[in-house]
Amino acid sequence: MLYEIAGDADAPANSRLSAIKEILDRTVGKGAMLGGEEQEPAPIEIVFRIVDTRSDTT
């Protein structure tokens, strides 16, 4: 459901951003185990852009 909201070009922008934030929190944001070893928490920078395919602008 979150992926559908995040990818729906007709959904309000705040709903799409909230869905993207929730997806990231559930995956990358809470990942402390990498390669089977516990890692120290480190800042993660994630950059994404939303493209309006109807007007072909970012």
C-alpha atoms as a PDB file:
ATOM      1  CA  MET A   1       0.000   0.000   0.000  1.00  0.00           C
ATOM      2  CA  LEU A   2       2.807   2.439   0.827  1.00  0.00           C
ATOM      3  CA  TYR A   3       4.445   1.803  -2.535  1.00  0.00           C
ATOM      4  CA  GLU A   4       1.158   2.502  -4.299  1.00  0.00           C
ATOM      5  CA  ILE A   5       0.755   5.841  -2.510  1.00  0.00           C
ATOM      6  CA  ALA A   6       4.403   6.813  -3.096  1.00  0.00           C
ATOM      7  CA  GLY A   7       4.115   6.056  -6.802  1.00  0.00           C
ATOM      8  CA  ASP A   8       0.681   7.610  -7.378  1.00  0.00           C
ATOM      9  CA  ALA A   9       1.193  10.824  -9.347  1.00  0.00           C
ATOM     10  CA  ASP A  10      -2.365  11.903  -8.518  1.00  0.00           C
ATOM     11  CA  ALA A  11      -1.930  11.576  -4.737  1.00  0.00           C
ATOM     12  CA  PRO A  12      -1.241  14.745  -2.746  1.00  0.00           C
ATOM     13  CA  ALA A  13       2.475  15.489  -2.378  1.00  0.00           C
ATOM     14  CA  ASN A  14       2.367  15.320   1.435  1.00  0.00           C
ATOM     15  CA  SER A  15       0.820  11.830   1.286  1.00  0.00           C
ATOM     16  CA  ARG A  16       3.482  10.671  -1.149  1.00  0.00           C
ATOM     17  CA  LEU A  17       6.280  12.075   1.020  1.00  0.00           C
ATOM     18  CA  SER A  18       4.800  10.489   4.155  1.00  0.00           C
ATOM     19  CA  ALA A  19       4.647   7.121   2.393  1.00  0.00           C
ATOM     20  CA  ILE A  20       8.260   7.459   1.226  1.00  0.00           C
ATOM     21  CA  LYS A  21       9.373   8.410   4.749  1.00  0.00           C
ATOM     22  CA  GLU A  22       7.586   5.388   6.202  1.00  0.00           C
ATOM     23  CA  ILE A  23       9.148   3.058   3.612  1.00  0.00           C
ATOM     24  CA  LEU A  24      12.614   4.412   4.410  1.00  0.00           C
ATOM     25  CA  ASP A  25      12.034   4.173   8.171  1.00  0.00           C
ATOM     26  CA  ARG A  26      10.988   0.555   7.833  1.00  0.00           C
ATOM     27  CA  THR A  27      13.970  -0.394   5.686  1.00  0.00           C
ATOM     28  CA  VAL A  28      17.102   1.755   5.759  1.00  0.00           C
ATOM     29  CA  GLY A  29      16.370   3.881   8.819  1.00  0.00           C
ATOM     30  CA  LYS A  30      16.255   1.008  11.252  1.00  0.00           C
ATOM     31  CA  GLY A  31      18.944  -1.210   9.745  1.00  0.00           C
ATOM     32  CA  ALA A  32      21.706  -1.776  12.304  1.00  0.00           C
ATOM     33  CA  MET A  33      22.922  -5.134  11.011  1.00  0.00           C
ATOM     34  CA  LEU A  34      25.015  -5.146   7.848  1.00  0.00           C
ATOM     35  CA  GLY A  35      26.904  -8.169   6.598  1.00  0.00           C
ATOM     36  CA  GLY A  36      25.980 -10.179   9.677  1.00  0.00           C
ATOM     37  CA  GLU A  37      27.921  -7.871  12.014  1.00  0.00           C
ATOM     38  CA  GLU A  38      26.460  -5.216  14.236  1.00  0.00           C
ATOM     39  CA  GLN A  39      27.569  -1.768  13.111  1.00  0.00           C
ATOM     40  CA  GLU A  40      27.728   1.514  14.958  1.00  0.00           C
ATOM     41  CA  PRO A  41      24.838   3.772  13.995  1.00  0.00           C
ATOM     42  CA  ALA A  42      25.998   6.276  11.383  1.00  0.00           C
ATOM     43  CA  PRO A  43      24.233   9.080   9.570  1.00  0.00           C
ATOM     44  CA  ILE A  44      22.682   8.024   6.282  1.00  0.00           C
ATOM     45  CA  GLU A  45      21.933  10.547   3.580  1.00  0.00           C
ATOM     46  CA  ILE A  46      19.220   9.590   1.149  1.00  0.00           C
ATOM     47  CA  VAL A  47      18.490  11.828  -1.805  1.00  0.00           C
ATOM     48  CA  PHE A  48      15.467  11.356  -4.007  1.00  0.00           C
ATOM     49  CA  ARG A  49      13.435  13.443  -6.366  1.00  0.00           C
ATOM     50  CA  ILE A  50       9.809  13.404  -7.356  1.00  0.00           C
ATOM     51  CA  VAL A  51       9.192  13.791 -11.047  1.00  0.00           C
ATOM     52  CA  ASP A  52       5.883  15.058 -12.358  1.00  0.00           C
ATOM     53  CA  THR A  53       5.609  13.014 -15.534  1.00  0.00           C
ATOM     54  CA  ARG A  54       2.585  15.005 -16.688  1.00  0.00           C
ATOM     55  CA  SER A  55       4.611  18.199 -17.095  1.00  0.00           C
ATOM     56  CA  ASP A  56       8.044  16.492 -17.295  1.00  0.00           C
ATOM     57  CA  THR A  57       9.541  18.671 -14.533  1.00  0.00           C
ATOM     58  CA  THR A  58      11.266  17.837 -11.275  1.00  0.00           C
END
